[in-house]
C-alpha cells in the first residue's frame, strides 16, 4: 500500500467522520479500519504508514494494529522490590 492509496482511504474516512456523533467516532473508525484490514491490506504490516493523517485513525491504529514488544522472558517481578 502506498501513500496515495492511504490518502484516498483517509479522505473517505474524513468525509464521513463529520456526520458521526463524537461518542461513536472511535467505534466507527475501528469498523472502517477493520474492513480495510480484512479486504485491502494487513494493517499490522503498514500501521506506521497510516500515522499522522487523522487523530482518530492514529488512536485506533495504535490500540489495535501495533504490536508492543512483550517484556523480556528474563523479567522477574522480584527485580523491582
Protein backbone atom coordinates (compact mmCIF):
# COMPACT_ATOMS: atom_id res chain seq x y z
CA UNK A 1 0.00 0.00 0.00
CA UNK A 2 1.42 3.37 -0.96
CA UNK A 3 0.80 6.87 0.40
CA UNK A 4 -1.60 7.79 -2.42
CA UNK A 5 -3.82 4.82 -1.61
CA UNK A 6 -3.74 5.62 2.11
CA UNK A 7 -4.66 9.25 1.39
CA UNK A 8 -7.74 8.10 -0.55
CA UNK A 9 -8.92 5.98 2.39
CA UNK A 10 -8.19 8.81 4.83
CA UNK A 11 -10.16 11.23 2.65
CA UNK A 12 -13.03 8.76 2.61
CA UNK A 13 -12.89 8.50 6.41
CA UNK A 14 -12.69 12.26 6.95
CA UNK A 15 -15.59 12.85 4.55
CA UNK A 16 -17.94 10.71 6.66
CA UNK A 17 -16.38 11.46 10.06
CA UNK A 18 -18.17 14.79 10.41
CA UNK A 19 -21.53 13.00 10.19
CA UNK A 20 -20.74 10.64 13.07
CA UNK A 21 -21.57 11.68 16.65
CA UNK A 22 -18.43 12.33 18.73
CA UNK A 23 -19.11 9.43 21.10
CA UNK A 24 -19.28 6.98 18.19
CA UNK A 25 -16.30 8.16 16.08
CA UNK A 26 -13.75 5.78 17.56
CA UNK A 27 -16.06 2.78 17.18
CA UNK A 28 -16.92 3.79 13.62
CA UNK A 29 -13.23 4.21 12.80
CA UNK A 30 -12.49 0.78 14.28
CA UNK A 31 -15.08 -0.72 11.96
CA UNK A 32 -13.84 1.29 8.96
CA UNK A 33 -10.26 0.14 9.53
CA UNK A 34 -11.31 -3.46 10.20
CA UNK A 35 -12.92 -3.55 6.75
CA UNK A 36 -9.68 -2.25 5.24
CA UNK A 37 -7.68 -4.76 7.29
CA UNK A 38 -9.85 -7.67 6.14
CA UNK A 39 -10.23 -6.70 2.48
CA UNK A 40 -7.38 -4.44 1.41
CA UNK A 41 -4.19 -4.92 3.42
CA UNK A 42 -2.84 -6.16 6.73
CA UNK A 43 -2.80 -3.00 8.83
CA UNK A 44 -0.33 -4.51 11.29
CA UNK A 45 2.22 -4.54 8.47
CA UNK A 46 1.59 -0.96 7.30
CA UNK A 47 0.44 0.73 10.52
CA UNK A 48 3.32 3.21 10.56
CA UNK A 49 2.32 4.48 7.11
CA UNK A 50 -1.11 5.46 8.41
CA UNK A 51 0.21 7.65 11.24
CA UNK A 52 -0.30 11.38 11.18
CA UNK A 53 -3.28 11.74 8.87
CA UNK A 54 -6.08 11.80 11.44
CA UNK A 55 -6.17 11.65 15.24
CA UNK A 56 -8.94 9.05 15.40
CA UNK A 57 -7.17 6.81 12.91
CA UNK A 58 -3.93 7.23 14.86
CA UNK A 59 -5.63 6.16 18.08
CA UNK A 60 -7.34 3.12 16.55
CA UNK A 61 -4.16 2.02 14.77
CA UNK A 62 -2.17 2.40 17.99
CA UNK A 63 -4.74 0.47 20.05
CA UNK A 64 -5.50 -2.32 17.57
CA UNK A 65 -2.83 -2.81 14.95
CA UNK A 66 0.54 -2.07 16.53
CA UNK A 67 2.05 -4.94 18.47
CA UNK A 68 4.02 -3.95 21.53
CA UNK A 69 7.12 -5.88 22.37
CA UNK A 70 6.48 -8.28 25.22
CA UNK A 71 8.66 -7.90 28.24
CA UNK A 72 11.85 -9.87 28.09
CA UNK A 73 11.40 -13.51 29.11
CA UNK A 74 14.05 -12.96 31.78
CA UNK A 75 11.82 -10.41 33.52
CA UNK A 76 11.47 -11.11 37.21
CA UNK A 77 8.98 -9.21 39.35
CA UNK A 78 11.36 -9.51 42.29
CA UNK A 79 13.87 -7.31 40.48
CA UNK A 80 11.69 -4.33 41.35
CA UNK A 81 11.20 -4.94 45.09
